Amino acid sequence: MAELEQEDGEEKKSPKKLIIIIAAALILLAAGGGGTYFLMKGDSSKGEKVAHEDDTAVHVEKLYFDMSKPLVIDFPKGSAVKHGRITISMLVEGAETIDVLKKNEPMIQNNLLMLIGGQDSGVLNTGEGKEMLRKAILDDVTAVLVKMAGKGKVDEIFFTSFVMQ
C-alpha cells in the first residue's frame, strides 16, 4: 500500500512538472514572437515620431491631399504641345497642413499654372522634365505653406494625371 501511495505521489508531481514546462515554453514563444513583431514592424507605420521641444515623441500622420481641380495649361504659340491637363496629389504631414492647403488652394493653383505654363513642352514630355517639374512644384507649394502659415510639410508630389496634346 505504501508503494501505491508513493506511485500516486510521483504521478501527481509528474503532471505538475509537465504543465510548468509547457507554460514556460509558451511564455518564451510569446515573448519571442512579440519581439520579432516589433523588430519587423520597424518604420512601416503610417507616420513618423517627431520630438517636440519638451522631448516627447508625437506620431505625425501622413495624409494625401488631392487638388480639387486639374490644372489646364495653354502652352505658348510655336511649342510642340498646345495644351496640357495635369492632376496633382500631395503627401503631407498632418491634417493641419491639409487645412492650410485648402485655404490657399487658389494661390497654389495660380502659382502652378504660371510655373507649368513657363516650361518647355518638349522637356515636359521626358521623364527627366517631369521629375524637374515635380521638384519645382514641391518647392513652390512648400514656399506657400511657409508664407501663409509659417509651418506645414509636403513630403511628395504625385502626378495622378499628366496629359499633353
C-alpha atoms as a PDB file:
ATOM      1  CA  MET A   1       0.000   0.000   0.000  1.00  0.00           C
ATOM      2  CA  ALA A   2       2.905   2.291   0.710  1.00  0.00           C
ATOM      3  CA  GLU A   3       4.131   1.634  -2.812  1.00  0.00           C
ATOM      4  CA  LEU A   4       0.784   2.671  -4.247  1.00  0.00           C
ATOM      5  CA  GLU A   5       0.781   5.934  -2.304  1.00  0.00           C
ATOM      6  CA  GLN A   6       4.324   6.613  -3.449  1.00  0.00           C
ATOM      7  CA  GLU A   7       3.387   5.936  -7.069  1.00  0.00           C
ATOM      8  CA  ASP A   8       0.347   8.183  -6.718  1.00  0.00           C
ATOM      9  CA  GLY A   9       2.573  10.931  -5.265  1.00  0.00           C
ATOM     10  CA  GLU A  10       5.042  10.591  -8.172  1.00  0.00           C
ATOM     11  CA  GLU A  11       2.201  10.672 -10.673  1.00  0.00           C
ATOM     12  CA  LYS A  12       0.912  13.913  -9.134  1.00  0.00           C
ATOM     13  CA  LYS A  13       4.365  15.540  -9.341  1.00  0.00           C
ATOM     14  CA  SER A  14       4.947  14.471 -12.930  1.00  0.00           C
ATOM     15  CA  PRO A  15       1.910  16.281 -14.450  1.00  0.00           C
ATOM     16  CA  LYS A  16       2.799  19.423 -12.474  1.00  0.00           C
ATOM     17  CA  LYS A  17       6.293  19.424 -13.943  1.00  0.00           C
ATOM     18  CA  LEU A  18       4.881  18.900 -17.424  1.00  0.00           C
ATOM     19  CA  ILE A  19       2.442  21.817 -17.001  1.00  0.00           C
ATOM     20  CA  ILE A  20       5.230  24.085 -15.727  1.00  0.00           C
ATOM     21  CA  ILE A  21       7.476  23.169 -18.665  1.00  0.00           C
ATOM     22  CA  ILE A  22       4.674  23.774 -21.191  1.00  0.00           C
ATOM     23  CA  ALA A  23       3.774  27.127 -19.575  1.00  0.00           C
ATOM     24  CA  ALA A  24       7.425  28.235 -19.639  1.00  0.00           C
ATOM     25  CA  ALA A  25       7.725  27.237 -23.294  1.00  0.00           C
ATOM     26  CA  LEU A  26       4.550  29.185 -24.181  1.00  0.00           C
ATOM     27  CA  ILE A  27       5.826  32.275 -22.362  1.00  0.00           C
ATOM     28  CA  LEU A  28       9.150  32.076 -24.217  1.00  0.00           C
ATOM     29  CA  LEU A  29       7.376  31.652 -27.558  1.00  0.00           C
ATOM     30  CA  ALA A  30       5.083  34.607 -26.870  1.00  0.00           C
ATOM     31  CA  ALA A  31       7.997  36.820 -25.839  1.00  0.00           C
ATOM     32  CA  GLY A  32       9.990  35.789 -28.918  1.00  0.00           C
ATOM     33  CA  GLY A  33       7.024  36.404 -31.205  1.00  0.00           C
ATOM     34  CA  GLY A  34       6.320  39.811 -29.689  1.00  0.00           C
ATOM     35  CA  GLY A  35       9.965  40.842 -30.005  1.00  0.00           C
ATOM     36  CA  THR A  36      10.071  39.680 -33.606  1.00  0.00           C
ATOM     37  CA  TYR A  37       6.880  41.611 -34.384  1.00  0.00           C
ATOM     38  CA  PHE A  38       8.267  44.884 -33.038  1.00  0.00           C
ATOM     39  CA  LEU A  39      11.598  44.413 -34.805  1.00  0.00           C
ATOM     40  CA  MET A  40       9.949  43.565 -38.128  1.00  0.00           C
ATOM     41  CA  LYS A  41       7.396  46.373 -37.826  1.00  0.00           C
ATOM     42  CA  GLY A  42      10.184  48.983 -37.785  1.00  0.00           C
ATOM     43  CA  ASP A  43       9.333  52.156 -39.752  1.00  0.00           C
ATOM     44  CA  SER A  44       6.385  50.724 -41.632  1.00  0.00           C
ATOM     45  CA  SER A  45       3.861  52.695 -39.605  1.00  0.00           C
ATOM     46  CA  LYS A  46       1.684  55.391 -41.204  1.00  0.00           C
ATOM     47  CA  GLY A  47       3.655  58.274 -39.804  1.00  0.00           C
ATOM     48  CA  GLU A  48       6.793  59.240 -38.018  1.00  0.00           C
ATOM     49  CA  LYS A  49       7.537  60.126 -34.450  1.00  0.00           C
ATOM     50  CA  VAL A  50       8.711  63.680 -34.133  1.00  0.00           C
ATOM     51  CA  ALA A  51      10.339  65.081 -30.998  1.00  0.00           C
ATOM     52  CA  HIS A  52       8.828  68.262 -29.632  1.00  0.00           C
ATOM     53  CA  GLU A  53      10.603  70.907 -27.583  1.00  0.00           C
ATOM     54  CA  ASP A  54       9.816  69.058 -24.369  1.00  0.00           C
ATOM     55  CA  ASP A  55      11.393  65.842 -25.817  1.00  0.00           C
ATOM     56  CA  THR A  56       8.093  63.953 -26.034  1.00  0.00           C
ATOM     57  CA  ALA A  57       7.541  61.939 -29.187  1.00  0.00           C
ATOM     58  CA  VAL A  58       4.352  62.595 -31.158  1.00  0.00           C
ATOM     59  CA  HIS A  59       3.034  60.496 -34.028  1.00  0.00           C
ATOM     60  CA  VAL A  60       2.635  62.565 -37.228  1.00  0.00           C
ATOM     61  CA  GLU A  61       0.109  61.095 -39.611  1.00  0.00           C
ATOM     62  CA  LYS A  62       0.843  61.090 -43.356  1.00  0.00           C
ATOM     63  CA  LEU A  63      -2.169  62.061 -45.461  1.00  0.00           C
ATOM     64  CA  TYR A  64      -2.917  62.661 -49.126  1.00  0.00           C
ATOM     65  CA  PHE A  65      -4.288  65.943 -50.415  1.00  0.00           C
ATOM     66  CA  ASP A  66      -5.805  65.966 -53.912  1.00  0.00           C
ATOM     67  CA  MET A  67      -6.099  69.351 -55.573  1.00  0.00           C
ATOM     68  CA  SER A  68      -9.776  69.989 -56.239  1.00  0.00           C
ATOM     69  CA  LYS A  69      -9.376  70.778 -59.949  1.00  0.00           C
ATOM     70  CA  PRO A  70      -6.940  69.612 -62.607  1.00  0.00           C
ATOM     71  CA  LEU A  71      -4.509  72.222 -63.884  1.00  0.00           C
ATOM     72  CA  VAL A  72      -5.275  73.108 -67.517  1.00  0.00           C
ATOM     73  CA  ILE A  73      -2.315  74.765 -69.217  1.00  0.00           C
ATOM     74  CA  ASP A  74      -2.071  76.563 -72.543  1.00  0.00           C
ATOM     75  CA  PHE A  75       1.481  76.476 -73.834  1.00  0.00           C
ATOM     76  CA  PRO A  76       2.919  79.377 -75.894  1.00  0.00           C
ATOM     77  CA  LYS A  77       2.420  79.500 -79.671  1.00  0.00           C
ATOM     78  CA  GLY A  78       5.057  77.648 -81.601  1.00  0.00           C
ATOM     79  CA  SER A  79       5.580  74.911 -78.998  1.00  0.00           C
ATOM     80  CA  ALA A  80       5.111  71.282 -79.988  1.00  0.00           C
ATOM     81  CA  VAL A  81       2.272  70.901 -77.487  1.00  0.00           C
ATOM     82  CA  LYS A  82      -0.660  73.302 -77.287  1.00  0.00           C
ATOM     83  CA  HIS A  83      -2.500  72.186 -74.160  1.00  0.00           C
ATOM     84  CA  GLY A  84      -1.860  70.220 -71.006  1.00  0.00           C
ATOM     85  CA  ARG A  85      -4.041  68.829 -68.250  1.00  0.00           C
ATOM     86  CA  ILE A  86      -2.333  67.782 -65.018  1.00  0.00           C
ATOM     87  CA  THR A  87      -3.872  66.411 -61.827  1.00  0.00           C
ATOM     88  CA  ILE A  88      -1.769  66.586 -58.673  1.00  0.00           C
ATOM     89  CA  SER A  89      -1.865  64.840 -55.294  1.00  0.00           C
ATOM     90  CA  MET A  90       0.413  65.607 -52.374  1.00  0.00           C
ATOM     91  CA  LEU A  91       1.638  63.538 -49.447  1.00  0.00           C
ATOM     92  CA  VAL A  92       1.616  65.810 -46.399  1.00  0.00           C
ATOM     93  CA  GLU A  93       2.232  65.608 -42.667  1.00  0.00           C
ATOM     94  CA  GLY A  94      -0.862  66.124 -40.563  1.00  0.00           C
ATOM     95  CA  ALA A  95      -4.383  67.375 -41.062  1.00  0.00           C
ATOM     96  CA  GLU A  96      -3.322  70.930 -40.209  1.00  0.00           C
ATOM     97  CA  THR A  97      -1.248  71.020 -43.399  1.00  0.00           C
ATOM     98  CA  ILE A  98      -4.273  69.925 -45.430  1.00  0.00           C
ATOM     99  CA  ASP A  99      -6.315  72.743 -43.894  1.00  0.00           C
ATOM    100  CA  VAL A 100      -3.659  75.293 -44.902  1.00  0.00           C
ATOM    101  CA  LEU A 101      -3.507  73.842 -48.428  1.00  0.00           C
ATOM    102  CA  LYS A 102      -7.304  74.028 -48.797  1.00  0.00           C
ATOM    103  CA  LYS A 103      -7.425  77.624 -47.600  1.00  0.00           C
ATOM    104  CA  ASN A 104      -4.677  78.643 -50.017  1.00  0.00           C
ATOM    105  CA  GLU A 105      -5.571  76.446 -52.995  1.00  0.00           C
ATOM    106  CA  PRO A 106      -6.355  79.411 -55.311  1.00  0.00           C
ATOM    107  CA  MET A 107      -2.863  80.822 -54.723  1.00  0.00           C
ATOM    108  CA  ILE A 108      -1.275  77.405 -55.221  1.00  0.00           C
ATOM    109  CA  GLN A 109      -3.216  76.833 -58.468  1.00  0.00           C
ATOM    110  CA  ASN A 110      -2.182  80.238 -59.786  1.00  0.00           C
ATOM    111  CA  ASN A 111       1.471  79.658 -58.945  1.00  0.00           C
ATOM    112  CA  LEU A 112       1.455  76.196 -60.519  1.00  0.00           C
ATOM    113  CA  LEU A 113      -0.280  77.395 -63.690  1.00  0.00           C
ATOM    114  CA  MET A 114       2.375  80.091 -64.081  1.00  0.00           C
ATOM    115  CA  LEU A 115       5.161  77.632 -63.311  1.00  0.00           C
ATOM    116  CA  ILE A 116       3.995  74.918 -65.706  1.00  0.00           C
ATOM    117  CA  GLY A 117       2.976  77.354 -68.445  1.00  0.00           C
ATOM    118  CA  GLY A 118       6.520  78.733 -68.492  1.00  0.00           C
ATOM    119  CA  GLN A 119       8.081  75.322 -69.099  1.00  0.00           C
ATOM    120  CA  ASP A 120       9.274  73.991 -72.424  1.00  0.00           C
ATOM    121  CA  SER A 121       6.665  71.436 -73.507  1.00  0.00           C
ATOM    122  CA  GLY A 122       9.338  69.354 -75.255  1.00  0.00           C
ATOM    123  CA  VAL A 123      11.193  68.947 -71.961  1.00  0.00           C
ATOM    124  CA  LEU A 124       7.986  68.054 -70.099  1.00  0.00           C
ATOM    125  CA  ASN A 125       7.498  65.104 -72.462  1.00  0.00           C
ATOM    126  CA  THR A 126      10.582  63.424 -70.938  1.00  0.00           C
ATOM    127  CA  GLY A 127      10.819  61.654 -67.618  1.00  0.00           C
ATOM    128  CA  GLU A 128      13.606  63.963 -66.505  1.00  0.00           C
ATOM    129  CA  GLY A 129      11.479  67.001 -67.346  1.00  0.00           C
ATOM    130  CA  LYS A 130       8.563  65.659 -65.310  1.00  0.00           C
ATOM    131  CA  GLU A 131      10.875  64.961 -62.374  1.00  0.00           C
ATOM    132  CA  MET A 132      12.274  68.513 -62.529  1.00  0.00           C
ATOM    133  CA  LEU A 133       8.718  69.865 -62.628  1.00  0.00           C
ATOM    134  CA  ARG A 134       7.716  67.704 -59.675  1.00  0.00           C
ATOM    135  CA  LYS A 135      10.594  69.130 -57.610  1.00  0.00           C
ATOM    136  CA  ALA A 136       9.750  72.704 -58.666  1.00  0.00           C
ATOM    137  CA  ILE A 137       6.108  72.168 -57.639  1.00  0.00           C
ATOM    138  CA  LEU A 138       7.236  70.765 -54.285  1.00  0.00           C
ATOM    139  CA  ASP A 139       9.406  73.851 -53.680  1.00  0.00           C
ATOM    140  CA  ASP A 140       6.602  76.217 -54.702  1.00  0.00           C
ATOM    141  CA  VAL A 141       3.938  74.572 -52.524  1.00  0.00           C
ATOM    142  CA  THR A 142       6.327  74.462 -49.562  1.00  0.00           C
ATOM    143  CA  ALA A 143       7.015  78.189 -50.042  1.00  0.00           C
ATOM    144  CA  VAL A 144       3.262  78.920 -49.938  1.00  0.00           C
ATOM    145  CA  LEU A 145       2.888  76.919 -46.706  1.00  0.00           C
ATOM    146  CA  VAL A 146       5.741  78.799 -45.068  1.00  0.00           C
ATOM    147  CA  LYS A 147       4.468  82.179 -46.297  1.00  0.00           C
ATOM    148  CA  MET A 148       0.847  81.687 -45.280  1.00  0.00           C
ATOM    149  CA  ALA A 149       1.077  79.519 -42.158  1.00  0.00           C
ATOM    150  CA  GLY A 150       4.712  79.504 -41.115  1.00  0.00           C
ATOM    151  CA  LYS A 151       4.626  75.712 -40.960  1.00  0.00           C
ATOM    152  CA  GLY A 152       3.476  72.562 -42.695  1.00  0.00           C
ATOM    153  CA  LYS A 153       5.332  69.968 -44.683  1.00  0.00           C
ATOM    154  CA  VAL A 154       4.723  68.424 -48.081  1.00  0.00           C
ATOM    155  CA  ASP A 155       6.750  65.229 -48.475  1.00  0.00           C
ATOM    156  CA  GLU A 156       5.947  64.265 -52.060  1.00  0.00           C
ATOM    157  CA  ILE A 157       4.171  65.485 -55.176  1.00  0.00           C
ATOM    158  CA  PHE A 158       2.401  62.946 -57.373  1.00  0.00           C
ATOM    159  CA  PHE A 159       1.080  63.417 -60.886  1.00  0.00           C
ATOM    160  CA  THR A 160      -2.121  61.382 -60.912  1.00  0.00           C
ATOM    161  CA  SER A 161      -2.832  62.507 -64.477  1.00  0.00           C
ATOM    162  CA  PHE A 162      -0.443  64.124 -66.986  1.00  0.00           C
ATOM    163  CA  VAL A 163      -1.869  64.693 -70.468  1.00  0.00           C
ATOM    164  CA  MET A 164      -0.324  66.935 -73.119  1.00  0.00           C
ATOM    165  CA  GLN A 165      -1.652  67.401 -76.658  1.00  0.00           C
END
